[in-house]
Amino acid sequence: MPKVVIIGGGISGLSAAYYLAKGGASCTILESRPRLGGVIQTERVEGCTIEAGPDSFLSAKPAALELIRELGLSDQVIGSNDHLRITYVRKGGRLIPLPDGLMMMVPTRILPLLTTGLLSWSTKVRMGLELLRAPKLRPGDESVAEFIEEHYGPEAVDYLAEPLLSGIYGGSPSELSVTSVLPRFVDLARQYGSLTRGVLAQRAKARSKDRTGGPPEPLFRTLKGGLGQMIDAIASSIRGKVEVRHGRAQAVEPSGRAQGLERNGPAQGVEPGGQAFRIRMDGDWMEADQLVVACEAHSGSRLLAGVDRRLAELLGTVPYSSSMTVALGFNAADFPRPPDGFGFLVPKKERRRLVACTWVGTKFSHRVPEGTVLARCFLGGTQDAAVLQESDEAILAAATAELQEIAGFRAQPRFTRVFRWPCSMAQYTVGHPQRLAEIEARLSSIPGLHLAGNAYRGIGIPDCIRMGRVAAERMLAVPAKS
């Protein structure tokens, strides 16, 4: 088997290592942090399961659930409590529920749209008239804000698209690529013209194909003990088959005779029998036939400058947002009434520091013991990256005060946790499809080099697992050197 090195021990790199080990290949993971898992990190505090990073994954994308089943964790899978799923949006100092039947920012039911206080009558009329929209070809890419405003108006951008995407990407709809972020909606617009008509048609097709008659799948799935269970299970599964070295990789360069070549293009002329890449880490060099760069694109850019200068430049153009998760645990008895729904979103027009908040015990069972209320607050994003530089004390004071004001209670937290994630969430800005096409073209001419992670074709856990698995499958198909 070829000698494999994986740079990055987050879920993308771990997935590649897992599927390599499953296929009978060994590899080495280089991870800069003292632990594996990347942004997936779970803590237990006073009986609460606290996720420092993502708390779940979409049921509709199968890669995560497939891996979890292979790891023997099927009995630990739980779904979101969708019968309690109400998400509020702050407007004019009040929390207003998102209209029932809303699919992202696309309305599919008339009465909830007519009665919501979240949108003005002019926007409601425009949303209704959108049903009459004819298909129109639009070449090239555009921003999410431009796309949604054309269909539903600027208020739909401010109070639907912006808070929803800020909660997912930590980014701005005026900068995000609609082709990369909402590809399904782009396809529906091309086919039907009206997004609403397209979504309704797809739902009708799905119902006609569903012969089970059973209840719908939960929107989100996770593990009872937190997503850290999956990381621990992968680490246990690959132990003895995969070497893990903790430390920061400093550089990658072609090995063999390619070291003396001009490095504007891919490595060429590697000596027969020699490895394709040399990786420097903590002053030592190691060689590899196959290399998976599964770290953030900005780190990959720094590492790969000696392999392909243009590829490194392209990776360096992928923007990232920084975020922060603040967990606040309260005594339930201190609340005048239990928190309602999954949580709330704060649009940019109404925002001070909080971007969103999840009531963990409502969203998922088994996460919070009786008598406790756990709030998971989100701060940062492209508009407020500076918050990560503030002290824990200042952040906790601001988050608690704002949460009290928005949710209408006066309780003080019994325990707190603060997690910072600098430059961790890739932003698929306008032009990302063209950038990705050039990245993949460069990769195709560099044998043995693979990319995986949230900078390319999906930011969610299932997307990252899928990319790691695909990289492993490609490497397993490479014949061993004689």
Protein backbone atom coordinates (compact mmCIF):
# COMPACT_ATOMS: atom_id res chain seq x y z
CA MET A 1 0.00 0.00 0.00
CA PRO A 2 1.19 3.59 -0.58
CA LYS A 3 2.52 5.53 2.40
CA VAL A 4 -0.14 8.04 3.48
CA VAL A 5 0.10 11.18 5.61
CA ILE A 6 -3.03 13.11 6.66
CA ILE A 7 -2.60 16.72 7.83
CA GLY A 8 -5.47 17.53 10.16
CA GLY A 9 -7.18 15.38 12.78
CA GLY A 10 -10.66 16.90 12.56
CA ILE A 11 -13.61 14.87 11.34
CA SER A 12 -12.44 15.06 7.68
CA GLY A 13 -8.97 13.70 8.42
CA LEU A 14 -10.27 11.15 10.91
CA SER A 15 -12.81 9.88 8.36
CA ALA A 16 -10.06 9.44 5.78
CA ALA A 17 -7.96 7.56 8.35
CA TYR A 18 -10.89 5.38 9.42
CA TYR A 19 -11.77 4.29 5.89
CA LEU A 20 -8.10 3.71 5.05
CA ALA A 21 -7.74 1.50 8.11
CA LYS A 22 -10.93 -0.32 7.18
CA GLY A 23 -9.42 -0.99 3.77
CA GLY A 24 -6.27 -2.42 5.32
CA ALA A 25 -4.00 0.62 4.87
CA SER A 26 -2.01 2.39 7.56
CA CYS A 27 -1.36 6.13 7.70
CA THR A 28 -0.04 8.93 9.89
CA ILE A 29 -2.19 11.82 11.13
CA LEU A 30 -0.50 15.14 11.91
CA GLU A 31 -2.65 17.26 14.23
CA SER A 32 -1.66 20.67 15.60
CA ARG A 33 -4.04 20.52 18.57
CA PRO A 34 -3.35 18.30 21.59
CA ARG A 35 -6.59 16.38 20.86
CA LEU A 36 -8.42 14.92 17.86
CA GLY A 37 -11.81 16.02 16.59
CA GLY A 38 -11.28 19.60 15.43
CA VAL A 39 -14.36 21.68 16.22
CA ILE A 40 -16.22 18.60 17.51
CA GLN A 41 -15.74 18.65 21.26
CA THR A 42 -18.11 17.50 24.00
CA GLU A 43 -17.97 18.25 27.73
CA ARG A 44 -20.06 17.00 30.63
CA VAL A 45 -20.90 19.61 33.25
CA GLU A 46 -23.29 18.97 36.16
CA GLY A 47 -25.12 16.28 34.20
CA CYS A 48 -25.40 18.40 31.04
CA THR A 49 -23.98 17.41 27.68
CA ILE A 50 -22.34 20.53 26.28
CA GLU A 51 -21.20 20.74 22.67
CA ALA A 52 -18.39 23.21 22.17
CA GLY A 53 -18.87 23.13 18.40
CA PRO A 54 -21.61 21.56 16.26
CA ASP A 55 -24.35 19.79 18.20
CA SER A 56 -25.89 17.66 15.42
CA PHE A 57 -26.02 16.84 11.72
CA LEU A 58 -28.73 16.89 9.07
CA SER A 59 -30.64 13.62 8.77
CA ALA A 60 -31.02 14.16 5.02
CA LYS A 61 -27.28 13.66 4.41
CA PRO A 62 -26.41 9.99 4.99
CA ALA A 63 -22.61 9.92 5.43
CA ALA A 64 -22.59 10.69 9.17
CA LEU A 65 -25.23 8.12 10.07
CA GLU A 66 -23.50 5.49 7.93
CA LEU A 67 -20.23 6.03 9.79
CA ILE A 68 -21.96 6.03 13.17
CA ARG A 69 -23.57 2.68 12.36
CA GLU A 70 -20.22 1.22 11.28
CA LEU A 71 -18.76 2.36 14.60
CA GLY A 72 -21.45 0.44 16.52
CA LEU A 73 -23.15 3.54 17.89
CA SER A 74 -26.62 3.08 16.35
CA ASP A 75 -28.23 2.67 19.76
CA GLN A 76 -26.85 6.08 20.78
CA VAL A 77 -28.48 8.02 17.94
CA ILE A 78 -31.27 10.43 18.87
CA GLY A 79 -33.29 12.85 16.80
CA SER A 80 -34.31 16.43 17.42
CA ASN A 81 -37.66 16.94 19.15
CA ASP A 82 -39.31 18.34 16.06
CA HIS A 83 -42.75 18.44 17.67
CA LEU A 84 -41.31 21.24 19.84
CA ARG A 85 -39.43 22.91 16.98
CA ILE A 86 -40.27 26.58 17.05
CA THR A 87 -37.54 29.04 16.12
CA TYR A 88 -37.99 32.68 17.02
CA VAL A 89 -36.56 35.77 15.35
CA ARG A 90 -36.02 39.01 17.23
CA LYS A 91 -37.73 42.01 15.66
CA GLY A 92 -38.52 45.34 17.26
CA GLY A 93 -37.56 44.04 20.70
CA ARG A 94 -39.89 41.02 20.48
CA LEU A 95 -39.40 37.34 19.71
CA ILE A 96 -41.59 36.34 16.75
CA PRO A 97 -41.81 32.71 15.60
CA LEU A 98 -40.78 31.83 12.09
CA PRO A 99 -43.96 31.07 10.13
CA ASP A 100 -44.98 27.43 10.07
CA GLY A 101 -44.28 25.76 6.75
CA LEU A 102 -41.19 27.83 6.03
CA MET A 103 -38.43 25.89 4.24
CA MET A 104 -35.35 27.97 5.00
CA MET A 105 -36.70 31.26 3.63
CA VAL A 106 -39.28 29.78 1.24
CA PRO A 107 -42.95 29.94 2.38
CA THR A 108 -45.08 26.88 1.60
CA ARG A 109 -48.27 27.64 3.60
CA ILE A 110 -50.57 30.64 3.13
CA LEU A 111 -52.22 31.13 6.54
CA PRO A 112 -49.01 31.22 8.66
CA LEU A 113 -47.51 33.68 6.16
CA LEU A 114 -50.59 35.93 6.32
CA THR A 115 -50.70 35.98 10.12
CA THR A 116 -46.99 36.35 10.96
CA GLY A 117 -45.82 39.59 12.51
CA LEU A 118 -42.31 39.02 11.24
CA LEU A 119 -42.97 40.44 7.76
CA SER A 120 -44.84 43.50 6.48
CA TRP A 121 -47.90 43.25 4.26
CA SER A 122 -45.94 44.46 1.25
CA THR A 123 -43.51 41.55 1.66
CA LYS A 124 -46.37 39.09 2.16
CA VAL A 125 -47.98 40.26 -1.08
CA ARG A 126 -44.67 39.99 -2.90
CA MET A 127 -44.20 36.45 -1.58
CA GLY A 128 -47.65 35.53 -2.83
CA LEU A 129 -47.02 36.99 -6.27
CA GLU A 130 -43.75 35.05 -6.46
CA LEU A 131 -45.88 31.99 -7.23
CA LEU A 132 -46.49 33.50 -10.68
CA ARG A 133 -42.81 33.96 -11.48
CA ALA A 134 -41.67 32.34 -14.74
CA PRO A 135 -38.34 30.53 -15.19
CA LYS A 136 -35.48 32.82 -16.11
CA LEU A 137 -31.94 31.75 -16.92
CA ARG A 138 -29.27 33.63 -15.02
CA PRO A 139 -25.72 32.78 -16.06
CA GLY A 140 -22.94 32.88 -13.50
CA ASP A 141 -23.05 33.23 -9.73
CA GLU A 142 -24.69 35.81 -7.48
CA SER A 143 -25.06 36.46 -3.78
CA VAL A 144 -27.73 34.86 -1.62
CA ALA A 145 -29.02 38.36 -0.82
CA GLU A 146 -29.47 39.22 -4.51
CA PHE A 147 -31.19 35.92 -5.20
CA ILE A 148 -33.63 36.07 -2.27
CA GLU A 149 -34.36 39.77 -2.74
CA GLU A 150 -35.26 39.17 -6.38
CA HIS A 151 -37.77 36.51 -5.34
CA TYR A 152 -39.17 37.81 -2.06
CA GLY A 153 -37.86 41.33 -1.41
CA PRO A 154 -35.31 42.96 0.94
CA GLU A 155 -37.25 42.28 4.15
CA ALA A 156 -37.02 38.53 3.47
CA VAL A 157 -33.25 38.97 3.29
CA ASP A 158 -33.06 40.94 6.55
CA TYR A 159 -35.38 38.79 8.69
CA LEU A 160 -35.17 35.34 7.08
CA ALA A 161 -32.02 34.77 5.02
CA GLU A 162 -29.59 36.83 7.12
CA PRO A 163 -30.38 35.36 10.58
CA LEU A 164 -30.66 31.80 9.24
CA LEU A 165 -27.35 31.93 7.37
CA SER A 166 -25.56 33.80 10.16
CA GLY A 167 -26.50 30.94 12.46
CA ILE A 168 -25.13 28.35 10.01
CA TYR A 169 -22.14 30.02 8.35
CA GLY A 170 -21.44 33.03 10.53
CA GLY A 171 -21.45 34.95 7.26
CA SER A 172 -23.35 37.60 5.35
CA PRO A 173 -25.90 36.78 2.62
CA SER A 174 -24.58 39.72 0.61
CA GLU A 175 -21.23 37.89 0.31
CA LEU A 176 -22.23 34.21 0.21
CA SER A 177 -22.60 32.42 -3.14
CA VAL A 178 -26.14 31.26 -3.79
CA THR A 179 -24.86 28.56 -6.18
CA SER A 180 -22.70 27.04 -3.42
CA VAL A 181 -24.89 27.72 -0.37
CA LEU A 182 -28.38 27.12 -1.80
CA PRO A 183 -27.81 24.97 -4.92
CA ARG A 184 -31.18 23.28 -4.60
CA PHE A 185 -33.00 26.62 -4.70
CA VAL A 186 -30.99 27.70 -7.74
CA ASP A 187 -32.04 24.52 -9.55
CA LEU A 188 -35.70 25.04 -8.59
CA ALA A 189 -35.61 28.65 -9.79
CA ARG A 190 -34.24 27.53 -13.17
CA GLN A 191 -36.86 24.81 -13.52
CA TYR A 192 -39.97 26.48 -12.08
CA GLY A 193 -39.19 30.18 -11.85
CA SER A 194 -41.01 30.37 -8.50
CA LEU A 195 -39.14 28.94 -5.51
CA THR A 196 -42.39 28.37 -3.66
CA ARG A 197 -43.93 26.49 -6.58
CA GLY A 198 -40.74 24.44 -6.96
CA VAL A 199 -40.59 23.44 -3.29
CA LEU A 200 -44.29 22.47 -3.30
CA ALA A 201 -43.80 20.38 -6.45
CA GLN A 202 -40.82 18.57 -4.92
CA ARG A 203 -42.75 17.84 -1.76
CA ALA A 204 -45.60 16.39 -3.78
CA LYS A 205 -43.18 14.13 -5.67
CA ALA A 206 -41.57 12.99 -2.41
CA ARG A 207 -44.96 12.13 -0.90
CA SER A 208 -45.95 10.12 -3.97
CA LYS A 209 -42.72 8.08 -3.74
CA ASP A 210 -42.99 7.48 0.02
CA ARG A 211 -44.77 4.15 0.45
CA THR A 212 -43.88 3.67 4.12
CA GLY A 213 -46.51 5.96 5.58
CA GLY A 214 -44.33 6.35 8.66
CA PRO A 215 -43.49 9.57 10.49
CA PRO A 216 -40.97 11.90 8.84
CA GLU A 217 -37.33 11.70 9.84
CA PRO A 218 -36.18 14.24 12.44
CA LEU A 219 -34.51 17.26 10.90
CA PHE A 220 -31.36 16.78 13.01
CA ARG A 221 -29.66 13.77 14.54
CA THR A 222 -26.92 13.47 17.14
CA LEU A 223 -25.63 11.09 19.83
CA LYS A 224 -26.98 10.84 23.35
CA GLY A 225 -23.61 11.51 24.92
CA GLY A 226 -22.58 14.14 22.38
CA LEU A 227 -20.73 14.05 19.10
CA GLY A 228 -17.51 13.52 21.01
CA GLN A 229 -18.68 9.88 21.24
CA MET A 230 -18.12 9.56 17.49
CA ILE A 231 -14.61 11.01 17.74
CA ASP A 232 -13.74 8.65 20.60
CA ALA A 233 -15.12 5.68 18.66
CA ILE A 234 -13.09 6.54 15.54
CA ALA A 235 -9.94 7.00 17.64
CA SER A 236 -10.52 3.64 19.29
CA SER A 237 -11.19 1.95 15.95
CA ILE A 238 -7.96 3.18 14.31
CA ARG A 239 -5.73 2.67 17.33
CA GLY A 240 -2.78 0.47 16.39
CA LYS A 241 -3.42 1.02 12.68
CA VAL A 242 -2.90 4.78 12.48
CA GLU A 243 -0.06 6.77 13.98
CA VAL A 244 -1.08 10.13 15.45
CA ARG A 245 1.51 12.85 15.89
CA HIS A 246 0.57 16.07 17.64
CA GLY A 247 2.37 19.16 16.44
CA ARG A 248 2.16 21.69 13.65
CA ALA A 249 3.27 20.80 10.13
CA GLN A 250 5.52 23.56 8.82
CA ALA A 251 5.84 22.79 5.11
CA VAL A 252 5.21 20.34 2.31
CA GLU A 253 7.48 20.01 -0.70
CA PRO A 254 8.02 17.59 -3.55
CA SER A 255 10.60 14.93 -2.81
CA GLY A 256 13.11 13.20 -5.07
CA ARG A 257 14.46 15.17 -8.05
CA ALA A 258 11.40 17.46 -7.95
CA GLN A 259 13.02 19.47 -5.14
CA GLY A 260 15.13 21.37 -7.62
CA LEU A 261 12.30 22.24 -10.01
CA GLU A 262 10.58 25.58 -10.41
CA ARG A 263 7.39 25.21 -8.36
CA ASN A 264 4.82 27.05 -10.42
CA GLY A 265 3.15 23.77 -11.30
CA PRO A 266 2.75 20.31 -9.87
CA ALA A 267 5.66 18.19 -8.72
CA GLN A 268 7.19 16.27 -11.61
CA GLY A 269 10.15 13.97 -12.15
CA VAL A 270 9.96 12.18 -8.81
CA GLU A 271 12.56 9.43 -8.78
CA PRO A 272 11.21 5.91 -9.29
CA GLY A 273 10.67 4.21 -5.96
CA GLY A 274 10.79 7.50 -4.05
CA GLN A 275 7.89 9.18 -2.25
CA ALA A 276 6.04 12.12 -3.86
CA PHE A 277 5.98 14.51 -0.87
CA ARG A 278 8.15 15.49 2.05
CA ILE A 279 6.43 17.02 5.11
CA ARG A 280 8.35 18.92 7.75
CA MET A 281 7.04 18.79 11.32
CA ASP A 282 8.89 19.98 14.41
CA GLY A 283 12.15 20.01 12.49
CA ASP A 284 11.81 16.43 11.22
CA TRP A 285 10.95 15.35 7.68
CA MET A 286 8.70 12.49 6.69
CA GLU A 287 7.85 11.22 3.22
CA ALA A 288 4.56 10.15 1.70
CA ASP A 289 3.25 8.74 -1.57
CA GLN A 290 -0.24 10.07 -0.80
CA LEU A 291 -1.01 13.25 1.11
CA VAL A 292 -4.40 14.38 2.45
CA VAL A 293 -4.57 18.04 3.43
CA ALA A 294 -7.59 18.06 5.76
CA CYS A 295 -6.87 21.24 7.70
CA GLU A 296 -8.36 24.70 7.10
CA ALA A 297 -7.71 26.05 3.60
CA HIS A 298 -5.65 28.98 4.94
CA SER A 299 -3.32 26.49 6.67
CA GLY A 300 -3.23 24.33 3.55
CA SER A 301 -2.26 27.40 1.53
CA ARG A 302 0.79 27.97 3.72
CA LEU A 303 1.81 24.33 3.57
CA LEU A 304 1.43 23.77 -0.16
CA ALA A 305 3.24 26.82 -1.53
CA GLY A 306 6.23 24.62 -2.32
CA VAL A 307 4.16 22.04 -4.20
CA ASP A 308 1.96 24.23 -6.40
CA ARG A 309 2.06 27.99 -6.04
CA ARG A 310 -1.24 28.64 -7.81
CA LEU A 311 -3.08 25.99 -5.78
CA ALA A 312 -1.74 27.57 -2.60
CA GLU A 313 -2.96 30.99 -3.78
CA LEU A 314 -6.43 29.61 -4.47
CA LEU A 315 -6.68 28.00 -1.03
CA GLY A 316 -5.60 31.29 0.51
CA THR A 317 -8.57 33.07 -1.09
CA VAL A 318 -11.15 31.00 0.83
CA PRO A 319 -12.39 33.37 3.57
CA TYR A 320 -13.19 32.08 7.05
CA SER A 321 -15.34 33.37 9.90
CA SER A 322 -14.52 33.14 13.59
CA SER A 323 -17.13 32.13 16.13
CA MET A 324 -17.70 31.56 19.80
CA THR A 325 -20.02 29.25 21.70
CA VAL A 326 -21.08 30.26 25.21
CA ALA A 327 -22.91 27.71 27.36
CA LEU A 328 -24.96 29.05 30.29
CA GLY A 329 -26.57 26.64 32.78
CA PHE A 330 -29.42 27.87 34.99
CA ASN A 331 -31.71 26.50 37.68
CA ALA A 332 -35.07 25.88 36.01
CA ALA A 333 -36.85 27.08 39.16
CA ASP A 334 -35.45 30.56 38.56
CA PHE A 335 -37.43 30.89 35.31
CA PRO A 336 -40.99 32.25 35.47
CA ARG A 337 -41.88 29.79 32.66
CA PRO A 338 -39.87 27.20 30.73
CA PRO A 339 -38.13 28.48 27.58
CA ASP A 340 -40.24 27.90 24.49
CA GLY A 341 -39.05 26.29 21.27
CA PHE A 342 -35.59 25.38 20.01
CA GLY A 343 -34.27 28.92 20.46
CA PHE A 344 -34.01 32.23 18.65
CA LEU A 345 -32.06 34.11 15.97
CA VAL A 346 -31.03 37.76 16.09
CA PRO A 347 -30.89 39.49 12.67
CA LYS A 348 -28.05 41.90 11.97
CA LYS A 349 -30.50 44.82 12.12
CA GLU A 350 -31.36 43.93 15.72
CA ARG A 351 -28.00 42.47 16.83
CA ARG A 352 -25.69 43.61 19.58
CA ARG A 353 -23.59 40.55 20.42
CA LEU A 354 -25.79 37.44 20.38
CA VAL A 355 -26.23 35.90 16.94
CA ALA A 356 -28.41 33.01 18.08
CA CYS A 357 -29.33 30.87 21.08
CA THR A 358 -30.42 27.23 21.42
CA TRP A 359 -32.37 25.85 24.39
CA VAL A 360 -30.56 22.53 24.51
CA GLY A 361 -33.05 20.59 26.63
CA THR A 362 -35.91 21.41 24.26
CA LYS A 363 -34.03 20.55 21.07
CA PHE A 364 -32.65 17.21 22.29
CA SER A 365 -33.64 14.74 24.97
CA HIS A 366 -30.97 13.22 27.27
CA ARG A 367 -28.84 16.38 27.15
CA VAL A 368 -30.04 18.30 30.21
CA PRO A 369 -31.19 16.87 33.58
CA GLU A 370 -34.50 17.86 35.11
CA GLY A 371 -34.29 21.10 37.04
CA THR A 372 -31.72 22.68 34.71
CA VAL A 373 -32.02 25.03 31.73
CA LEU A 374 -29.06 25.07 29.35
CA ALA A 375 -28.64 27.89 26.82
CA ARG A 376 -26.10 27.59 24.01
CA CYS A 377 -25.33 31.09 22.73
CA PHE A 378 -23.46 31.97 19.54
CA LEU A 379 -21.35 35.07 19.00
CA GLY A 380 -18.85 36.26 16.40
CA GLY A 381 -19.15 35.70 12.67
CA THR A 382 -17.76 37.89 9.92
CA GLN A 383 -19.38 40.98 11.42
CA ASP A 384 -18.00 40.59 14.97
CA ALA A 385 -14.77 38.58 14.91
CA ALA A 386 -13.27 40.96 17.50
CA VAL A 387 -15.44 39.42 20.22
CA LEU A 388 -13.02 36.49 20.39
CA GLN A 389 -10.35 38.85 21.78
CA GLU A 390 -12.44 39.85 24.79
CA SER A 391 -12.06 38.24 28.22
CA ASP A 392 -14.32 35.42 29.36
CA GLU A 393 -15.65 37.65 32.13
CA ALA A 394 -16.68 40.40 29.71
CA ILE A 395 -18.25 37.94 27.28
CA LEU A 396 -20.20 36.09 29.97
CA ALA A 397 -21.52 39.33 31.45
CA ALA A 398 -22.64 40.63 28.05
CA ALA A 399 -24.16 37.31 26.93
CA THR A 400 -26.05 36.81 30.20
CA ALA A 401 -27.47 40.35 30.21
CA GLU A 402 -28.57 40.17 26.59
CA LEU A 403 -30.08 36.70 27.02
CA GLN A 404 -32.01 37.90 30.06
CA GLU A 405 -33.39 40.85 28.12
CA ILE A 406 -34.36 38.87 25.03
CA ALA A 407 -35.82 35.81 26.77
CA GLY A 408 -37.39 37.72 29.66
CA PHE A 409 -35.89 36.27 32.85
CA ARG A 410 -33.54 37.43 35.63
CA ALA A 411 -31.78 34.20 36.63
CA GLN A 412 -28.00 34.11 36.93
CA PRO A 413 -26.11 31.14 35.47
CA ARG A 414 -25.07 28.33 37.80
CA PHE A 415 -22.21 27.33 35.51
CA THR A 416 -20.68 28.64 32.28
CA ARG A 417 -18.35 27.55 29.51
CA VAL A 418 -16.75 29.61 26.70
CA PHE A 419 -15.34 28.07 23.51
CA ARG A 420 -13.48 30.09 20.87
CA TRP A 421 -13.15 28.95 17.26
CA PRO A 422 -10.92 31.39 15.35
CA CYS A 423 -10.98 31.20 11.53
CA SER A 424 -12.81 27.86 11.58
CA MET A 425 -15.85 28.20 9.30
CA ALA A 426 -15.24 28.48 5.55
CA GLN A 427 -17.25 31.09 3.66
CA TYR A 428 -18.52 30.14 0.21
CA THR A 429 -18.40 33.64 -1.20
CA VAL A 430 -19.62 34.69 -4.64
CA GLY A 431 -17.36 33.02 -7.21
CA HIS A 432 -16.74 29.93 -5.06
CA PRO A 433 -17.83 27.50 -7.83
CA GLN A 434 -15.22 28.95 -10.19
CA ARG A 435 -12.56 28.86 -7.48
CA LEU A 436 -13.43 25.25 -6.68
CA ALA A 437 -13.26 24.25 -10.34
CA GLU A 438 -9.75 25.68 -10.63
CA ILE A 439 -8.66 24.02 -7.37
CA GLU A 440 -9.87 20.65 -8.62
CA ALA A 441 -8.17 21.18 -11.99
CA ARG A 442 -4.86 21.85 -10.24
CA LEU A 443 -5.33 18.79 -8.03
CA SER A 444 -5.96 16.54 -11.01
CA SER A 445 -2.41 17.19 -12.23
CA ILE A 446 -0.75 16.50 -8.86
CA PRO A 447 -0.81 12.72 -8.32
CA GLY A 448 -1.17 11.73 -4.68
CA LEU A 449 -2.53 15.02 -3.33
CA HIS A 450 -6.05 15.16 -1.85
CA LEU A 451 -8.07 17.91 -0.13
CA ALA A 452 -10.85 17.42 2.40
CA GLY A 453 -12.65 19.75 4.80
CA ASN A 454 -15.36 22.38 5.02
CA ALA A 455 -13.70 24.73 2.51
CA TYR A 456 -14.85 22.86 -0.58
CA ARG A 457 -18.17 21.05 -1.04
CA GLY A 458 -20.15 21.37 2.16
CA ILE A 459 -19.61 22.66 5.69
CA GLY A 460 -21.60 20.08 7.65
CA ILE A 461 -20.35 16.98 9.44
CA PRO A 462 -21.79 14.59 6.80
CA ASP A 463 -20.09 16.61 4.03
CA CYS A 464 -16.72 16.42 5.76
CA ILE A 465 -17.09 12.68 6.43
CA ARG A 466 -18.00 12.10 2.79
CA MET A 467 -14.94 14.01 1.54
CA GLY A 468 -12.64 12.07 3.88
CA ARG A 469 -14.14 8.78 2.72
CA VAL A 470 -13.77 9.73 -0.97
CA ALA A 471 -10.10 10.59 -0.42
CA ALA A 472 -9.56 7.21 1.27
CA GLU A 473 -11.29 5.34 -1.55
CA ARG A 474 -9.09 7.04 -4.13
CA MET A 475 -5.94 6.17 -2.19
CA LEU A 476 -6.99 2.55 -1.69
CA ALA A 477 -7.37 2.28 -5.46
CA VAL A 478 -3.72 3.29 -5.99
CA PRO A 479 -1.57 0.16 -6.63
CA ALA A 480 1.32 -0.48 -4.24
CA LYS A 481 4.81 0.33 -5.51
CA SER A 482 6.90 -2.67 -6.39
